[in-house]
Amino acid sequence: MTAKRLYLIDGSGYIFRAFHALPPMTRADGTPVNAVYGYASMLLKLLDDLREHGANELIAVVFDAKRATFRNKIYELYKAHR
């Protein structure tokens, strides 16, 4: 039995990166969708890359809590620019 790798995806980071990396995109009603589109595109690209290489891996997407967490106590400037 071969060992599996576990990929932990920073969901909040993906969304933040997608929002700022792509030009503004909106639905017909004006709702911004660039972050959702970019986020989904990055996850699908990862899945395609893993499938292409025949990888049998585990993937989990994690998100930061909206409220203050222990990270804020450890490092006061955590998420200061988000």
PDB file of N, CA and C in Angstrom:
ATOM      1  N   MET A   1       0.847  -1.178   0.000  1.00  0.00           N
ATOM      2  CA  MET A   1       0.000   0.000   0.000  1.00  0.00           C
ATOM      3  C   MET A   1       0.897   1.248   0.000  1.00  0.00           C
ATOM      4  N   THR A   2       0.642   2.156  -0.914  1.00  0.00           N
ATOM      5  CA  THR A   2       1.450   3.371  -0.997  1.00  0.00           C
ATOM      6  C   THR A   2       0.877   4.456  -0.093  1.00  0.00           C
ATOM      7  N   ALA A   3       1.770   5.269   0.409  1.00  0.00           N
ATOM      8  CA  ALA A   3       1.357   6.358   1.292  1.00  0.00           C
ATOM      9  C   ALA A   3       0.654   7.449   0.491  1.00  0.00           C
ATOM     10  N   LYS A   4      -0.366   8.023   1.086  1.00  0.00           N
ATOM     11  CA  LYS A   4      -1.084   9.137   0.461  1.00  0.00           C
ATOM     12  C   LYS A   4      -0.576  10.441   1.038  1.00  0.00           C
ATOM     13  N   ARG A   5      -0.620  11.463   0.223  1.00  0.00           N
ATOM     14  CA  ARG A   5      -0.309  12.808   0.704  1.00  0.00           C
ATOM     15  C   ARG A   5      -1.607  13.506   1.042  1.00  0.00           C
ATOM     16  N   LEU A   6      -1.539  14.358   2.035  1.00  0.00           N
ATOM     17  CA  LEU A   6      -2.689  15.171   2.410  1.00  0.00           C
ATOM     18  C   LEU A   6      -2.391  16.608   2.009  1.00  0.00           C
ATOM     19  N   TYR A   7      -3.204  17.155   1.138  1.00  0.00           N
ATOM     20  CA  TYR A   7      -3.081  18.550   0.718  1.00  0.00           C
ATOM     21  C   TYR A   7      -4.052  19.383   1.529  1.00  0.00           C
ATOM     22  N   LEU A   8      -3.530  20.358   2.251  1.00  0.00           N
ATOM     23  CA  LEU A   8      -4.369  21.291   3.004  1.00  0.00           C
ATOM     24  C   LEU A   8      -4.393  22.595   2.225  1.00  0.00           C
ATOM     25  N   ILE A   9      -5.561  22.986   1.774  1.00  0.00           N
ATOM     26  CA  ILE A   9      -5.733  24.190   0.971  1.00  0.00           C
ATOM     27  C   ILE A   9      -6.211  25.321   1.869  1.00  0.00           C
ATOM     28  N   ASP A  10      -5.521  26.453   1.803  1.00  0.00           N
ATOM     29  CA  ASP A  10      -5.923  27.649   2.535  1.00  0.00           C
ATOM     30  C   ASP A  10      -7.051  28.305   1.737  1.00  0.00           C
ATOM     31  N   GLY A  11      -8.283  27.937   2.047  1.00  0.00           N
ATOM     32  CA  GLY A  11      -9.439  28.442   1.306  1.00  0.00           C
ATOM     33  C   GLY A  11      -9.551  29.953   1.348  1.00  0.00           C
ATOM     34  N   SER A  12      -9.320  30.550   2.490  1.00  0.00           N
ATOM     35  CA  SER A  12      -9.386  32.015   2.615  1.00  0.00           C
ATOM     36  C   SER A  12      -8.312  32.666   1.751  1.00  0.00           C
ATOM     37  N   GLY A  13      -7.118  32.083   1.757  1.00  0.00           N
ATOM     38  CA  GLY A  13      -6.029  32.619   0.944  1.00  0.00           C
ATOM     39  C   GLY A  13      -6.321  32.499  -0.543  1.00  0.00           C
ATOM     40  N   TYR A  14      -6.906  31.363  -0.959  1.00  0.00           N
ATOM     41  CA  TYR A  14      -7.279  31.179  -2.371  1.00  0.00           C
ATOM     42  C   TYR A  14      -8.295  32.245  -2.791  1.00  0.00           C
ATOM     43  N   ILE A  15      -9.291  32.469  -1.966  1.00  0.00           N
ATOM     44  CA  ILE A  15     -10.322  33.457  -2.311  1.00  0.00           C
ATOM     45  C   ILE A  15      -9.722  34.851  -2.372  1.00  0.00           C
ATOM     46  N   PHE A  16      -8.902  35.207  -1.397  1.00  0.00           N
ATOM     47  CA  PHE A  16      -8.249  36.523  -1.373  1.00  0.00           C
ATOM     48  C   PHE A  16      -7.387  36.706  -2.619  1.00  0.00           C
ATOM     49  N   ARG A  17      -6.593  35.688  -2.931  1.00  0.00           N
ATOM     50  CA  ARG A  17      -5.711  35.749  -4.104  1.00  0.00           C
ATOM     51  C   ARG A  17      -6.519  35.857  -5.393  1.00  0.00           C
ATOM     52  N   ALA A  18      -7.577  35.066  -5.508  1.00  0.00           N
ATOM     53  CA  ALA A  18      -8.405  35.092  -6.714  1.00  0.00           C
ATOM     54  C   ALA A  18      -9.084  36.441  -6.887  1.00  0.00           C
ATOM     55  N   PHE A  19      -9.570  37.012  -5.805  1.00  0.00           N
ATOM     56  CA  PHE A  19     -10.260  38.300  -5.884  1.00  0.00           C
ATOM     57  C   PHE A  19      -9.332  39.383  -6.418  1.00  0.00           C
ATOM     58  N   HIS A  20      -8.085  39.395  -5.938  1.00  0.00           N
ATOM     59  CA  HIS A  20      -7.155  40.454  -6.328  1.00  0.00           C
ATOM     60  C   HIS A  20      -6.385  40.147  -7.606  1.00  0.00           C
ATOM     61  N   ALA A  21      -6.330  38.890  -8.019  1.00  0.00           N
ATOM     62  CA  ALA A  21      -5.569  38.521  -9.212  1.00  0.00           C
ATOM     63  C   ALA A  21      -6.367  38.698 -10.497  1.00  0.00           C
ATOM     64  N   LEU A  22      -7.665  38.620 -10.394  1.00  0.00           N
ATOM     65  CA  LEU A  22      -8.501  38.685 -11.590  1.00  0.00           C
ATOM     66  C   LEU A  22      -9.131  40.066 -11.738  1.00  0.00           C
ATOM     67  N   PRO A  23      -9.416  40.436 -12.987  1.00  0.00           N
ATOM     68  CA  PRO A  23     -10.120  41.704 -13.182  1.00  0.00           C
ATOM     69  C   PRO A  23     -11.540  41.581 -12.630  1.00  0.00           C
ATOM     70  N   PRO A  24     -12.181  42.706 -12.350  1.00  0.00           N
ATOM     71  CA  PRO A  24     -13.561  42.642 -11.855  1.00  0.00           C
ATOM     72  C   PRO A  24     -14.463  41.872 -12.826  1.00  0.00           C
ATOM     73  N   MET A  25     -15.202  40.937 -12.274  1.00  0.00           N
ATOM     74  CA  MET A  25     -16.166  40.142 -13.053  1.00  0.00           C
ATOM     75  C   MET A  25     -17.474  40.173 -12.275  1.00  0.00           C
ATOM     76  N   THR A  26     -18.573  40.426 -12.967  1.00  0.00           N
ATOM     77  CA  THR A  26     -19.864  40.472 -12.285  1.00  0.00           C
ATOM     78  C   THR A  26     -20.914  39.699 -13.061  1.00  0.00           C
ATOM     79  N   ARG A  27     -21.945  39.276 -12.324  1.00  0.00           N
ATOM     80  CA  ARG A  27     -23.120  38.687 -12.957  1.00  0.00           C
ATOM     81  C   ARG A  27     -23.935  39.824 -13.540  1.00  0.00           C
ATOM     82  N   ALA A  28     -24.967  39.478 -14.260  1.00  0.00           N
ATOM     83  CA  ALA A  28     -25.839  40.485 -14.879  1.00  0.00           C
ATOM     84  C   ALA A  28     -26.459  41.424 -13.844  1.00  0.00           C
ATOM     85  N   ASP A  29     -26.683  40.911 -12.620  1.00  0.00           N
ATOM     86  CA  ASP A  29     -27.292  41.758 -11.579  1.00  0.00           C
ATOM     87  C   ASP A  29     -26.260  42.577 -10.804  1.00  0.00           C
ATOM     88  N   GLY A  30     -24.971  42.493 -11.193  1.00  0.00           N
ATOM     89  CA  GLY A  30     -23.928  43.285 -10.559  1.00  0.00           C
ATOM     90  C   GLY A  30     -23.175  42.586  -9.432  1.00  0.00           C
ATOM     91  N   THR A  31     -23.552  41.362  -9.095  1.00  0.00           N
ATOM     92  CA  THR A  31     -22.875  40.618  -8.044  1.00  0.00           C
ATOM     93  C   THR A  31     -21.464  40.246  -8.497  1.00  0.00           C
ATOM     94  N   PRO A  32     -20.434  40.606  -7.714  1.00  0.00           N
ATOM     95  CA  PRO A  32     -19.070  40.255  -8.108  1.00  0.00           C
ATOM     96  C   PRO A  32     -18.846  38.738  -8.037  1.00  0.00           C
ATOM     97  N   VAL A  33     -18.200  38.179  -9.038  1.00  0.00           N
ATOM     98  CA  VAL A  33     -17.969  36.734  -9.089  1.00  0.00           C
ATOM     99  C   VAL A  33     -16.513  36.365  -9.345  1.00  0.00           C
ATOM    100  N   ASN A  34     -15.617  37.356  -9.452  1.00  0.00           N
ATOM    101  CA  ASN A  34     -14.226  37.027  -9.781  1.00  0.00           C
ATOM    102  C   ASN A  34     -13.575  36.142  -8.721  1.00  0.00           C
ATOM    103  N   ALA A  35     -13.870  36.357  -7.437  1.00  0.00           N
ATOM    104  CA  ALA A  35     -13.269  35.533  -6.386  1.00  0.00           C
ATOM    105  C   ALA A  35     -13.775  34.093  -6.470  1.00  0.00           C
ATOM    106  N   VAL A  36     -15.055  33.911  -6.690  1.00  0.00           N
ATOM    107  CA  VAL A  36     -15.634  32.565  -6.784  1.00  0.00           C
ATOM    108  C   VAL A  36     -15.085  31.848  -8.015  1.00  0.00           C
ATOM    109  N   TYR A  37     -15.044  32.556  -9.130  1.00  0.00           N
ATOM    110  CA  TYR A  37     -14.523  31.966 -10.367  1.00  0.00           C
ATOM    111  C   TYR A  37     -13.058  31.563 -10.198  1.00  0.00           C
ATOM    112  N   GLY A  38     -12.245  32.460  -9.671  1.00  0.00           N
ATOM    113  CA  GLY A  38     -10.825  32.167  -9.482  1.00  0.00           C
ATOM    114  C   GLY A  38     -10.590  31.044  -8.497  1.00  0.00           C
ATOM    115  N   TYR A  39     -11.341  31.037  -7.405  1.00  0.00           N
ATOM    116  CA  TYR A  39     -11.229  29.995  -6.380  1.00  0.00           C
ATOM    117  C   TYR A  39     -11.542  28.625  -6.993  1.00  0.00           C
ATOM    118  N   ALA A  40     -12.661  28.537  -7.688  1.00  0.00           N
ATOM    119  CA  ALA A  40     -13.052  27.271  -8.323  1.00  0.00           C
ATOM    120  C   ALA A  40     -12.034  26.850  -9.373  1.00  0.00           C
ATOM    121  N   SER A  41     -11.529  27.797 -10.138  1.00  0.00           N
ATOM    122  CA  SER A  41     -10.537  27.486 -11.175  1.00  0.00           C
ATOM    123  C   SER A  41      -9.264  26.900 -10.568  1.00  0.00           C
ATOM    124  N   MET A  42      -8.798  27.488  -9.461  1.00  0.00           N
ATOM    125  CA  MET A  42      -7.579  26.985  -8.821  1.00  0.00           C
ATOM    126  C   MET A  42      -7.779  25.577  -8.258  1.00  0.00           C
ATOM    127  N   LEU A  43      -8.928  25.322  -7.645  1.00  0.00           N
ATOM    128  CA  LEU A  43      -9.191  23.984  -7.105  1.00  0.00           C
ATOM    129  C   LEU A  43      -9.310  22.957  -8.224  1.00  0.00           C
ATOM    130  N   LEU A  44     -10.005  23.313  -9.299  1.00  0.00           N
ATOM    131  CA  LEU A  44     -10.140  22.386 -10.421  1.00  0.00           C
ATOM    132  C   LEU A  44      -8.792  22.103 -11.074  1.00  0.00           C
ATOM    133  N   LYS A  45      -7.936  23.099 -11.152  1.00  0.00           N
ATOM    134  CA  LYS A  45      -6.591  22.915 -11.721  1.00  0.00           C
ATOM    135  C   LYS A  45      -5.795  21.945 -10.857  1.00  0.00           C
ATOM    136  N   LEU A  46      -5.874  22.091  -9.548  1.00  0.00           N
ATOM    137  CA  LEU A  46      -5.181  21.170  -8.647  1.00  0.00           C
ATOM    138  C   LEU A  46      -5.686  19.748  -8.845  1.00  0.00           C
ATOM    139  N   LEU A  47      -6.999  19.579  -8.902  1.00  0.00           N
ATOM    140  CA  LEU A  47      -7.577  18.243  -9.095  1.00  0.00           C
ATOM    141  C   LEU A  47      -7.145  17.651 -10.435  1.00  0.00           C
ATOM    142  N   ASP A  48      -7.158  18.454 -11.489  1.00  0.00           N
ATOM    143  CA  ASP A  48      -6.714  17.981 -12.805  1.00  0.00           C
ATOM    144  C   ASP A  48      -5.249  17.559 -12.777  1.00  0.00           C
ATOM    145  N   ASP A  49      -4.408  18.368 -12.139  1.00  0.00           N
ATOM    146  CA  ASP A  49      -2.977  18.038 -12.042  1.00  0.00           C
ATOM    147  C   ASP A  49      -2.767  16.726 -11.287  1.00  0.00           C
ATOM    148  N   LEU A  50      -3.490  16.531 -10.204  1.00  0.00           N
ATOM    149  CA  LEU A  50      -3.351  15.298  -9.432  1.00  0.00           C
ATOM    150  C   LEU A  50      -3.831  14.092 -10.234  1.00  0.00           C
ATOM    151  N   ARG A  51      -4.955  14.241 -10.931  1.00  0.00           N
ATOM    152  CA  ARG A  51      -5.473  13.146 -11.763  1.00  0.00           C
ATOM    153  C   ARG A  51      -4.505  12.808 -12.890  1.00  0.00           C
ATOM    154  N   GLU A  52      -3.930  13.837 -13.494  1.00  0.00           N
ATOM    155  CA  GLU A  52      -3.002  13.651 -14.613  1.00  0.00           C
ATOM    156  C   GLU A  52      -1.795  12.821 -14.197  1.00  0.00           C
ATOM    157  N   HIS A  53      -1.369  12.992 -12.976  1.00  0.00           N
ATOM    158  CA  HIS A  53      -0.208  12.262 -12.484  1.00  0.00           C
ATOM    159  C   HIS A  53      -0.593  10.970 -11.760  1.00  0.00           C
ATOM    160  N   GLY A  54      -1.859  10.598 -11.852  1.00  0.00           N
ATOM    161  CA  GLY A  54      -2.315   9.358 -11.241  1.00  0.00           C
ATOM    162  C   GLY A  54      -2.246   9.357  -9.727  1.00  0.00           C
ATOM    163  N   ALA A  55      -2.268  10.537  -9.150  1.00  0.00           N
ATOM    164  CA  ALA A  55      -2.145  10.633  -7.695  1.00  0.00           C
ATOM    165  C   ALA A  55      -3.442  10.200  -7.014  1.00  0.00           C
ATOM    166  N   ASN A  56      -3.281   9.476  -5.951  1.00  0.00           N
ATOM    167  CA  ASN A  56      -4.412   9.064  -5.125  1.00  0.00           C
ATOM    168  C   ASN A  56      -4.229   9.779  -3.789  1.00  0.00           C
ATOM    169  N   GLU A  57      -4.638  11.030  -3.765  1.00  0.00           N
ATOM    170  CA  GLU A  57      -4.320  11.895  -2.638  1.00  0.00           C
ATOM    171  C   GLU A  57      -5.568  12.305  -1.865  1.00  0.00           C
ATOM    172  N   LEU A  58      -5.346  12.892  -0.708  1.00  0.00           N
ATOM    173  CA  LEU A  58      -6.412  13.431   0.132  1.00  0.00           C
ATOM    174  C   LEU A  58      -6.320  14.947   0.089  1.00  0.00           C
ATOM    175  N   ILE A  59      -7.465  15.609   0.009  1.00  0.00           N
ATOM    176  CA  ILE A  59      -7.497  17.064  -0.055  1.00  0.00           C
ATOM    177  C   ILE A  59      -8.509  17.583   0.959  1.00  0.00           C
ATOM    178  N   ALA A  60      -8.117  18.631   1.690  1.00  0.00           N
ATOM    179  CA  ALA A  60      -9.030  19.311   2.603  1.00  0.00           C
ATOM    180  C   ALA A  60      -8.862  20.808   2.402  1.00  0.00           C
ATOM    181  N   VAL A  61      -9.972  21.518   2.372  1.00  0.00           N
ATOM    182  CA  VAL A  61      -9.947  22.975   2.269  1.00  0.00           C
ATOM    183  C   VAL A  61     -10.335  23.525   3.636  1.00  0.00           C
ATOM    184  N   VAL A  62      -9.503  24.428   4.152  1.00  0.00           N
ATOM    185  CA  VAL A  62      -9.757  25.021   5.467  1.00  0.00           C
ATOM    186  C   VAL A  62      -9.887  26.534   5.322  1.00  0.00           C
ATOM    187  N   PHE A  63     -10.712  27.123   6.174  1.00  0.00           N
ATOM    188  CA  PHE A  63     -10.963  28.559   6.145  1.00  0.00           C
ATOM    189  C   PHE A  63     -10.664  29.171   7.500  1.00  0.00           C
ATOM    190  N   ASP A  64     -10.193  30.414   7.483  1.00  0.00           N
ATOM    191  CA  ASP A  64      -9.987  31.149   8.729  1.00  0.00           C
ATOM    192  C   ASP A  64     -11.339  31.511   9.320  1.00  0.00           C
ATOM    193  N   ALA A  65     -11.394  31.529  10.642  1.00  0.00           N
ATOM    194  CA  ALA A  65     -12.608  31.969  11.330  1.00  0.00           C
ATOM    195  C   ALA A  65     -12.725  33.481  11.187  1.00  0.00           C
ATOM    196  N   LYS A  66     -13.942  33.972  11.133  1.00  0.00           N
ATOM    197  CA  LYS A  66     -14.166  35.406  11.001  1.00  0.00           C
ATOM    198  C   LYS A  66     -13.782  36.149  12.281  1.00  0.00           C
ATOM    199  N   ARG A  67     -13.962  35.502  13.393  1.00  0.00           N
ATOM    200  CA  ARG A  67     -13.667  36.127  14.683  1.00  0.00           C
ATOM    201  C   ARG A  67     -12.177  35.998  15.008  1.00  0.00           C
ATOM    202  N   ALA A  68     -11.756  36.678  16.032  1.00  0.00           N
ATOM    203  CA  ALA A  68     -10.371  36.572  16.491  1.00  0.00           C
ATOM    204  C   ALA A  68     -10.109  35.158  16.999  1.00  0.00           C
ATOM    205  N   THR A  69      -8.918  34.652  16.723  1.00  0.00           N
ATOM    206  CA  THR A  69      -8.545  33.308  17.154  1.00  0.00           C
ATOM    207  C   THR A  69      -7.230  33.385  17.926  1.00  0.00           C
ATOM    208  N   PHE A  70      -6.710  32.240  18.304  1.00  0.00           N
ATOM    209  CA  PHE A  70      -5.437  32.198  19.028  1.00  0.00           C
ATOM    210  C   PHE A  70      -4.311  32.820  18.213  1.00  0.00           C
ATOM    211  N   ARG A  71      -4.433  32.810  16.878  1.00  0.00           N
ATOM    212  CA  ARG A  71      -3.393  33.397  16.037  1.00  0.00           C
ATOM    213  C   ARG A  71      -3.256  34.902  16.292  1.00  0.00           C
ATOM    214  N   ASN A  72      -4.369  35.566  16.539  1.00  0.00           N
ATOM    215  CA  ASN A  72      -4.333  36.996  16.833  1.00  0.00           C
ATOM    216  C   ASN A  72      -3.615  37.280  18.156  1.00  0.00           C
ATOM    217  N   LYS A  73      -3.721  36.359  19.109  1.00  0.00           N
ATOM    218  CA  LYS A  73      -3.036  36.528  20.392  1.00  0.00           C
ATOM    219  C   LYS A  73      -1.530  36.301  20.233  1.00  0.00           C
ATOM    220  N   ILE A  74      -1.170  35.337  19.379  1.00  0.00           N
ATOM    221  CA  ILE A  74       0.238  35.028  19.143  1.00  0.00           C
ATOM    222  C   ILE A  74       0.913  36.138  18.342  1.00  0.00           C
ATOM    223  N   TYR A  75       0.214  36.620  17.326  1.00  0.00           N
ATOM    224  CA  TYR A  75       0.787  37.626  16.426  1.00  0.00           C
ATOM    225  C   TYR A  75      -0.266  38.692  16.163  1.00  0.00           C
ATOM    226  N   GLU A  76      -0.114  39.819  16.785  1.00  0.00           N
ATOM    227  CA  GLU A  76      -1.121  40.889  16.744  1.00  0.00           C
ATOM    228  C   GLU A  76      -1.469  41.335  15.314  1.00  0.00           C
ATOM    229  N   LEU A  77      -0.509  41.290  14.402  1.00  0.00           N
ATOM    230  CA  LEU A  77      -0.744  41.750  13.026  1.00  0.00           C
ATOM    231  C   LEU A  77      -1.287  40.663  12.095  1.00  0.00           C
ATOM    232  N   TYR A  78      -1.663  39.509  12.656  1.00  0.00           N
ATOM    233  CA  TYR A  78      -2.208  38.439  11.837  1.00  0.00           C
ATOM    234  C   TYR A  78      -3.411  38.953  11.045  1.00  0.00           C
ATOM    235  N   LYS A  79      -3.376  38.753   9.756  1.00  0.00           N
ATOM    236  CA  LYS A  79      -4.425  39.209   8.828  1.00  0.00           C
ATOM    237  C   LYS A  79      -4.611  40.729   8.854  1.00  0.00           C
ATOM    238  N   ALA A  80      -3.579  41.471   9.159  1.00  0.00           N
ATOM    239  CA  ALA A  80      -3.692  42.930   9.237  1.00  0.00           C
ATOM    240  C   ALA A  80      -4.026  43.548   7.892  1.00  0.00           C
ATOM    241  N   HIS A  81      -3.647  42.908   6.818  1.00  0.00           N
ATOM    242  CA  HIS A  81      -3.880  43.485   5.491  1.00  0.00           C
ATOM    243  C   HIS A  81      -5.051  42.840   4.772  1.00  0.00           C
ATOM    244  N   ARG A  82      -5.879  42.092   5.466  1.00  0.00           N
ATOM    245  CA  ARG A  82      -7.052  41.472   4.832  1.00  0.00           C
ATOM    246  C   ARG A  82      -8.303  42.099   5.388  1.00  0.00           C
TER     247      ARG A  82
END
